[in-house]
């Protein structure tokens, strides 16, 4: 499954277009490598999502068979490794 579709299906990001924008901005990485929205996600991959000063790490547990996932099933697709770490941004 594509990374942007997984982010939306898992409800880590609310809209697929927002997931694509995060990927284009370099704010999403898969296994510590910046990823494009078209990258294929597999079970076991570690996703890092940077939103503002918040960094979230999740491990992919399952890939859904369809793009549509019920709200109560979405959290079974991943596990939080390090939720919402705060990062210090220093300007030069």
Protein backbone atom coordinates (compact mmCIF):
# COMPACT_ATOMS: atom_id res chain seq x y z
CA UNK A 1 0.00 0.00 0.00
CA UNK A 2 1.19 3.52 -0.75
CA UNK A 3 2.49 5.56 2.17
CA UNK A 4 -0.08 8.35 1.74
CA UNK A 5 -2.92 5.84 1.61
CA UNK A 6 -1.65 4.09 4.72
CA UNK A 7 -1.38 7.36 6.64
CA UNK A 8 -4.99 8.17 5.78
CA UNK A 9 -6.34 4.64 6.37
CA UNK A 10 -4.66 4.44 9.76
CA UNK A 11 -5.95 7.92 10.61
CA UNK A 12 -2.46 9.15 11.44
CA UNK A 13 -3.28 11.92 8.95
CA UNK A 14 -6.87 12.94 8.27
CA UNK A 15 -6.68 13.55 4.51
CA UNK A 16 -4.63 11.89 1.79
CA UNK A 17 -3.71 15.29 0.33
CA UNK A 18 -2.33 16.32 3.73
CA UNK A 19 -0.30 13.09 3.84
CA UNK A 20 1.10 13.88 0.38
CA UNK A 21 2.03 17.41 1.49
CA UNK A 22 3.84 16.05 4.56
CA UNK A 23 5.79 13.62 2.37
CA UNK A 24 6.65 16.34 -0.17
CA UNK A 25 7.93 18.55 2.66
CA UNK A 26 10.22 15.75 3.91
CA UNK A 27 8.30 15.42 7.17
CA UNK A 28 7.67 11.67 6.81
CA UNK A 29 10.36 9.01 6.83
CA UNK A 30 10.23 5.24 6.59
CA UNK A 31 12.97 3.35 8.42
CA UNK A 32 14.88 6.64 8.89
CA UNK A 33 14.85 7.47 5.16
CA UNK A 34 12.76 10.42 3.89
CA UNK A 35 9.92 8.94 1.86
CA UNK A 36 7.77 10.01 -1.06
CA UNK A 37 4.03 9.55 -0.84
CA UNK A 38 4.19 6.75 -3.43
CA UNK A 39 6.57 4.58 -1.37
CA UNK A 40 5.25 1.13 -0.55
CA UNK A 41 4.67 0.49 3.16
CA UNK A 42 5.11 -3.01 4.58
CA UNK A 43 4.44 -4.57 7.98
CA UNK A 44 7.43 -3.96 10.25
CA UNK A 45 8.34 -0.57 8.76
CA UNK A 46 8.92 2.28 11.22
CA UNK A 47 7.32 5.58 10.24
CA UNK A 48 8.42 8.95 11.63
CA UNK A 49 6.01 11.84 11.18
CA UNK A 50 7.06 15.41 11.96
CA UNK A 51 4.28 17.97 12.49
CA UNK A 52 5.57 21.32 13.67
CA UNK A 53 7.68 20.58 16.73
CA UNK A 54 6.10 17.15 17.34
CA UNK A 55 7.71 13.92 16.13
CA UNK A 56 5.73 10.67 16.23
CA UNK A 57 7.23 7.21 15.63
CA UNK A 58 5.00 4.26 14.79
CA UNK A 59 5.63 0.66 13.72
CA UNK A 60 3.38 -0.72 10.98
CA UNK A 61 1.69 -3.90 12.21
CA UNK A 62 -0.81 -4.64 9.44
CA UNK A 63 -1.55 -3.44 5.95
CA UNK A 64 -5.30 -3.13 5.30
CA UNK A 65 -6.78 -5.07 2.39
CA UNK A 66 -8.84 -2.04 1.33
CA UNK A 67 -8.37 1.73 1.40
CA UNK A 68 -11.38 2.15 3.70
CA UNK A 69 -10.82 1.08 7.31
CA UNK A 70 -13.35 1.36 10.12
CA UNK A 71 -12.42 3.91 12.78
CA UNK A 72 -12.16 1.31 15.55
CA UNK A 73 -9.90 -0.89 13.35
CA UNK A 74 -7.51 1.91 12.34
CA UNK A 75 -5.39 1.73 15.50
CA UNK A 76 -4.76 -1.98 14.97
CA UNK A 77 -2.69 -1.09 11.90
CA UNK A 78 0.19 0.40 13.92
CA UNK A 79 1.74 0.70 17.35
CA UNK A 80 3.12 3.89 18.85
CA UNK A 81 6.84 3.67 19.56
CA UNK A 82 7.48 7.24 20.68
CA UNK A 83 4.36 9.40 20.63
CA UNK A 84 4.67 13.15 20.13
CA UNK A 85 8.27 13.79 21.12
CA UNK A 86 9.00 17.48 21.29
CA UNK A 87 11.93 18.65 19.22
CA UNK A 88 13.94 21.74 19.84
CA UNK A 89 14.27 23.82 16.69
CA UNK A 90 17.24 26.14 16.79
CA UNK A 91 17.63 28.95 14.32
CA UNK A 92 21.11 30.00 13.28
